[in-house]
């Protein structure tokens, strides 16, 4: 009888939980997180972008991502800050500035960052910003530095034809 009462209570509370609720803090990105990201986007194109609070070109890319998400709401984008979990409030404030606060974002959560970089891309040495454009078969196109708006729109048109204008 108690279990049935608990079940009804849970059902009553479900409408109060927003379907798009996102954690107010960045999710940890540690060993194995790259596999989680790949599984979460299995068979679908997505953008994986690495950035930092101290990187000027990263902020230009974040601004562009905010604009892209307004133009293409179906765009799948994962953001990973290479800062530390202790900087979570600053990370979220920066994302809010660019209209990206509703995205689930991640933050490096391993002091041995080289291990994470190697897991992500064996050729990556930590230069930022670093953006990976994955097609539906998860073949990646890698861009280091500031993104070119025309090239980014071309990739979106090729991979998200239903959301392009």
C-alpha atoms as a PDB file:
ATOM      1  CA  UNK A   1       0.000   0.000   0.000  1.00  0.00           C
ATOM      2  CA  UNK A   2       2.854   2.449   0.811  1.00  0.00           C
ATOM      3  CA  UNK A   3       4.464   1.823  -2.559  1.00  0.00           C
ATOM      4  CA  UNK A   4       1.214   2.668  -4.369  1.00  0.00           C
ATOM      5  CA  UNK A   5       0.931   5.935  -2.395  1.00  0.00           C
ATOM      6  CA  UNK A   6       4.527   6.816  -3.333  1.00  0.00           C
ATOM      7  CA  UNK A   7       3.769   6.110  -7.006  1.00  0.00           C
ATOM      8  CA  UNK A   8       0.770   8.492  -6.963  1.00  0.00           C
ATOM      9  CA  UNK A   9       2.850  11.167  -5.280  1.00  0.00           C
ATOM     10  CA  UNK A  10       5.521  10.892  -7.964  1.00  0.00           C
ATOM     11  CA  UNK A  11       2.890  11.154 -10.713  1.00  0.00           C
ATOM     12  CA  UNK A  12       1.463  14.290  -9.121  1.00  0.00           C
ATOM     13  CA  UNK A  13       4.886  15.953  -9.018  1.00  0.00           C
ATOM     14  CA  UNK A  14       5.915  15.164 -12.623  1.00  0.00           C
ATOM     15  CA  UNK A  15       4.116  18.131 -14.247  1.00  0.00           C
ATOM     16  CA  UNK A  16       6.041  20.506 -11.974  1.00  0.00           C
ATOM     17  CA  UNK A  17       9.377  19.408 -13.483  1.00  0.00           C
ATOM     18  CA  UNK A  18      10.139  21.278 -16.710  1.00  0.00           C
ATOM     19  CA  UNK A  19      10.974  18.962 -19.601  1.00  0.00           C
ATOM     20  CA  UNK A  20      14.002  21.069 -20.595  1.00  0.00           C
ATOM     21  CA  UNK A  21      15.391  21.581 -17.088  1.00  0.00           C
ATOM     22  CA  UNK A  22      19.147  21.885 -17.077  1.00  0.00           C
ATOM     23  CA  UNK A  23      21.478  21.699 -14.146  1.00  0.00           C
ATOM     24  CA  UNK A  24      22.549  25.164 -12.940  1.00  0.00           C
ATOM     25  CA  UNK A  25      26.130  23.922 -12.749  1.00  0.00           C
ATOM     26  CA  UNK A  26      28.234  22.433 -15.515  1.00  0.00           C
ATOM     27  CA  UNK A  27      28.290  18.646 -15.620  1.00  0.00           C
ATOM     28  CA  UNK A  28      31.751  17.139 -14.982  1.00  0.00           C
ATOM     29  CA  UNK A  29      33.702  16.080 -18.073  1.00  0.00           C
ATOM     30  CA  UNK A  30      36.127  13.372 -17.044  1.00  0.00           C
ATOM     31  CA  UNK A  31      37.514  10.084 -18.312  1.00  0.00           C
ATOM     32  CA  UNK A  32      34.794   8.303 -20.289  1.00  0.00           C
ATOM     33  CA  UNK A  33      32.760  11.461 -20.943  1.00  0.00           C
ATOM     34  CA  UNK A  34      33.669  11.482 -24.619  1.00  0.00           C
ATOM     35  CA  UNK A  35      31.981   8.079 -24.998  1.00  0.00           C
ATOM     36  CA  UNK A  36      28.878   9.447 -23.213  1.00  0.00           C
ATOM     37  CA  UNK A  37      28.712  12.333 -25.679  1.00  0.00           C
ATOM     38  CA  UNK A  38      29.048   9.995 -28.660  1.00  0.00           C
ATOM     39  CA  UNK A  39      26.322   7.668 -27.342  1.00  0.00           C
ATOM     40  CA  UNK A  40      23.994  10.589 -26.612  1.00  0.00           C
ATOM     41  CA  UNK A  41      24.276  11.688 -30.257  1.00  0.00           C
ATOM     42  CA  UNK A  42      24.390   8.249 -31.889  1.00  0.00           C
ATOM     43  CA  UNK A  43      23.402   8.490 -35.549  1.00  0.00           C
ATOM     44  CA  UNK A  44      22.875  12.267 -35.369  1.00  0.00           C
ATOM     45  CA  UNK A  45      25.060  15.217 -36.330  1.00  0.00           C
ATOM     46  CA  UNK A  46      26.272  17.527 -33.570  1.00  0.00           C
ATOM     47  CA  UNK A  47      28.812  20.176 -32.687  1.00  0.00           C
ATOM     48  CA  UNK A  48      31.216  19.686 -29.785  1.00  0.00           C
ATOM     49  CA  UNK A  49      32.958  22.888 -28.741  1.00  0.00           C
ATOM     50  CA  UNK A  50      35.748  23.348 -26.185  1.00  0.00           C
ATOM     51  CA  UNK A  51      36.282  26.801 -24.719  1.00  0.00           C
ATOM     52  CA  UNK A  52      37.649  28.667 -21.698  1.00  0.00           C
ATOM     53  CA  UNK A  53      36.815  31.773 -19.697  1.00  0.00           C
ATOM     54  CA  UNK A  54      40.232  33.271 -20.481  1.00  0.00           C
ATOM     55  CA  UNK A  55      40.022  32.771 -24.255  1.00  0.00           C
ATOM     56  CA  UNK A  56      38.992  35.803 -26.361  1.00  0.00           C
ATOM     57  CA  UNK A  57      38.265  33.822 -29.547  1.00  0.00           C
ATOM     58  CA  UNK A  58      36.185  31.390 -27.488  1.00  0.00           C
ATOM     59  CA  UNK A  59      33.801  34.218 -26.592  1.00  0.00           C
ATOM     60  CA  UNK A  60      33.413  35.103 -30.282  1.00  0.00           C
ATOM     61  CA  UNK A  61      32.505  31.468 -30.961  1.00  0.00           C
ATOM     62  CA  UNK A  62      30.044  31.422 -28.042  1.00  0.00           C
ATOM     63  CA  UNK A  63      28.359  34.512 -29.472  1.00  0.00           C
ATOM     64  CA  UNK A  64      28.091  32.791 -32.847  1.00  0.00           C
ATOM     65  CA  UNK A  65      26.654  29.641 -31.221  1.00  0.00           C
ATOM     66  CA  UNK A  66      23.998  31.726 -29.472  1.00  0.00           C
ATOM     67  CA  UNK A  67      22.966  33.244 -32.815  1.00  0.00           C
ATOM     68  CA  UNK A  68      23.000  29.847 -34.526  1.00  0.00           C
ATOM     69  CA  UNK A  69      20.753  28.284 -31.891  1.00  0.00           C
ATOM     70  CA  UNK A  70      18.234  31.103 -32.321  1.00  0.00           C
ATOM     71  CA  UNK A  71      18.249  30.545 -36.096  1.00  0.00           C
ATOM     72  CA  UNK A  72      18.365  26.733 -35.903  1.00  0.00           C
ATOM     73  CA  UNK A  73      16.658  25.593 -32.675  1.00  0.00           C
ATOM     74  CA  UNK A  74      17.125  21.920 -33.643  1.00  0.00           C
ATOM     75  CA  UNK A  75      20.907  22.262 -33.760  1.00  0.00           C
ATOM     76  CA  UNK A  76      22.621  19.819 -31.420  1.00  0.00           C
ATOM     77  CA  UNK A  77      25.475  21.520 -29.577  1.00  0.00           C
ATOM     78  CA  UNK A  78      27.629  20.366 -26.656  1.00  0.00           C
ATOM     79  CA  UNK A  79      29.821  22.918 -24.882  1.00  0.00           C
ATOM     80  CA  UNK A  80      32.761  21.907 -22.707  1.00  0.00           C
ATOM     81  CA  UNK A  81      34.678  24.440 -20.648  1.00  0.00           C
ATOM     82  CA  UNK A  82      38.323  23.578 -20.065  1.00  0.00           C
ATOM     83  CA  UNK A  83      38.240  25.570 -16.825  1.00  0.00           C
ATOM     84  CA  UNK A  84      37.680  23.936 -13.423  1.00  0.00           C
ATOM     85  CA  UNK A  85      34.456  22.917 -11.650  1.00  0.00           C
ATOM     86  CA  UNK A  86      35.172  25.612  -9.048  1.00  0.00           C
ATOM     87  CA  UNK A  87      34.570  28.198 -11.778  1.00  0.00           C
ATOM     88  CA  UNK A  88      31.049  26.884 -12.429  1.00  0.00           C
ATOM     89  CA  UNK A  89      29.310  30.178 -11.556  1.00  0.00           C
ATOM     90  CA  UNK A  90      31.549  32.180 -13.919  1.00  0.00           C
ATOM     91  CA  UNK A  91      31.065  29.577 -16.656  1.00  0.00           C
ATOM     92  CA  UNK A  92      27.281  29.753 -16.346  1.00  0.00           C
ATOM     93  CA  UNK A  93      27.322  33.579 -16.218  1.00  0.00           C
ATOM     94  CA  UNK A  94      29.350  33.657 -19.448  1.00  0.00           C
ATOM     95  CA  UNK A  95      26.969  31.238 -21.155  1.00  0.00           C
ATOM     96  CA  UNK A  96      24.001  33.323 -20.017  1.00  0.00           C
ATOM     97  CA  UNK A  97      25.580  36.400 -21.607  1.00  0.00           C
ATOM     98  CA  UNK A  98      25.438  34.625 -24.987  1.00  0.00           C
ATOM     99  CA  UNK A  99      22.017  32.991 -24.514  1.00  0.00           C
ATOM    100  CA  UNK A 100      23.509  29.524 -23.991  1.00  0.00           C
ATOM    101  CA  UNK A 101      22.581  29.003 -20.335  1.00  0.00           C
ATOM    102  CA  UNK A 102      19.848  26.462 -21.146  1.00  0.00           C
ATOM    103  CA  UNK A 103      22.297  24.093 -22.809  1.00  0.00           C
ATOM    104  CA  UNK A 104      23.664  21.282 -20.714  1.00  0.00           C
ATOM    105  CA  UNK A 105      27.306  22.238 -20.517  1.00  0.00           C
ATOM    106  CA  UNK A 106      30.297  20.391 -19.134  1.00  0.00           C
ATOM    107  CA  UNK A 107      33.550  21.354 -17.467  1.00  0.00           C
ATOM    108  CA  UNK A 108      36.863  19.526 -17.308  1.00  0.00           C
ATOM    109  CA  UNK A 109      36.869  17.557 -14.070  1.00  0.00           C
ATOM    110  CA  UNK A 110      40.269  15.901 -14.128  1.00  0.00           C
ATOM    111  CA  UNK A 111      43.448  17.677 -13.045  1.00  0.00           C
ATOM    112  CA  UNK A 112      45.352  15.634 -15.612  1.00  0.00           C
ATOM    113  CA  UNK A 113      43.913  17.570 -18.575  1.00  0.00           C
ATOM    114  CA  UNK A 114      46.277  15.953 -21.041  1.00  0.00           C
ATOM    115  CA  UNK A 115      44.490  12.635 -20.423  1.00  0.00           C
ATOM    116  CA  UNK A 116      41.160  14.255 -21.345  1.00  0.00           C
ATOM    117  CA  UNK A 117      42.644  15.944 -24.405  1.00  0.00           C
ATOM    118  CA  UNK A 118      44.093  12.619 -25.566  1.00  0.00           C
ATOM    119  CA  UNK A 119      40.740  10.875 -25.073  1.00  0.00           C
ATOM    120  CA  UNK A 120      38.991  13.575 -27.124  1.00  0.00           C
ATOM    121  CA  UNK A 121      41.549  13.804 -29.917  1.00  0.00           C
ATOM    122  CA  UNK A 122      45.036  12.298 -29.884  1.00  0.00           C
ATOM    123  CA  UNK A 123      46.322  15.242 -31.927  1.00  0.00           C
ATOM    124  CA  UNK A 124      44.927  17.941 -29.642  1.00  0.00           C
ATOM    125  CA  UNK A 125      47.445  19.753 -27.416  1.00  0.00           C
ATOM    126  CA  UNK A 126      44.991  22.105 -25.690  1.00  0.00           C
ATOM    127  CA  UNK A 127      44.787  25.020 -28.107  1.00  0.00           C
ATOM    128  CA  UNK A 128      41.450  26.878 -27.870  1.00  0.00           C
ATOM    129  CA  UNK A 129      38.835  27.299 -29.068  1.00  0.00           C
ATOM    130  CA  UNK A 130      38.528  23.807 -30.490  1.00  0.00           C
ATOM    131  CA  UNK A 131      35.339  22.813 -32.309  1.00  0.00           C
ATOM    132  CA  UNK A 132      34.373  19.446 -33.763  1.00  0.00           C
ATOM    133  CA  UNK A 133      31.621  19.235 -36.379  1.00  0.00           C
ATOM    134  CA  UNK A 134      30.358  15.629 -36.321  1.00  0.00           C
ATOM    135  CA  UNK A 135      28.166  14.393 -39.146  1.00  0.00           C
ATOM    136  CA  UNK A 136      25.562  11.655 -38.595  1.00  0.00           C
ATOM    137  CA  UNK A 137      28.210   8.930 -39.016  1.00  0.00           C
ATOM    138  CA  UNK A 138      30.377  10.785 -36.461  1.00  0.00           C
ATOM    139  CA  UNK A 139      33.100  11.716 -38.887  1.00  0.00           C
ATOM    140  CA  UNK A 140      34.526  14.917 -37.452  1.00  0.00           C
ATOM    141  CA  UNK A 141      35.738  18.092 -39.041  1.00  0.00           C
ATOM    142  CA  UNK A 142      37.999  19.924 -36.592  1.00  0.00           C
ATOM    143  CA  UNK A 143      38.405  23.683 -36.379  1.00  0.00           C
ATOM    144  CA  UNK A 144      40.933  25.315 -34.070  1.00  0.00           C
ATOM    145  CA  UNK A 145      40.409  29.028 -33.540  1.00  0.00           C
ATOM    146  CA  UNK A 146      37.615  31.372 -34.429  1.00  0.00           C
ATOM    147  CA  UNK A 147      34.814  29.896 -36.538  1.00  0.00           C
ATOM    148  CA  UNK A 148      33.985  31.167 -40.007  1.00  0.00           C
ATOM    149  CA  UNK A 149      30.239  31.957 -40.091  1.00  0.00           C
ATOM    150  CA  UNK A 150      29.827  31.003 -43.763  1.00  0.00           C
ATOM    151  CA  UNK A 151      31.540  27.631 -43.306  1.00  0.00           C
ATOM    152  CA  UNK A 152      29.510  26.915 -40.178  1.00  0.00           C
ATOM    153  CA  UNK A 153      26.235  27.721 -41.967  1.00  0.00           C
ATOM    154  CA  UNK A 154      27.318  25.485 -44.868  1.00  0.00           C
ATOM    155  CA  UNK A 155      27.897  22.593 -42.435  1.00  0.00           C
ATOM    156  CA  UNK A 156      24.506  23.169 -40.800  1.00  0.00           C
ATOM    157  CA  UNK A 157      22.764  23.227 -44.207  1.00  0.00           C
ATOM    158  CA  UNK A 158      24.429  19.957 -45.179  1.00  0.00           C
ATOM    159  CA  UNK A 159      23.679  18.204 -41.886  1.00  0.00           C
ATOM    160  CA  UNK A 160      20.372  19.815 -40.843  1.00  0.00           C
ATOM    161  CA  UNK A 161      18.581  20.487 -44.142  1.00  0.00           C
ATOM    162  CA  UNK A 162      15.182  20.666 -42.423  1.00  0.00           C
ATOM    163  CA  UNK A 163      16.279  23.608 -40.214  1.00  0.00           C
ATOM    164  CA  UNK A 164      18.039  25.633 -42.920  1.00  0.00           C
ATOM    165  CA  UNK A 165      16.345  28.592 -44.520  1.00  0.00           C
END
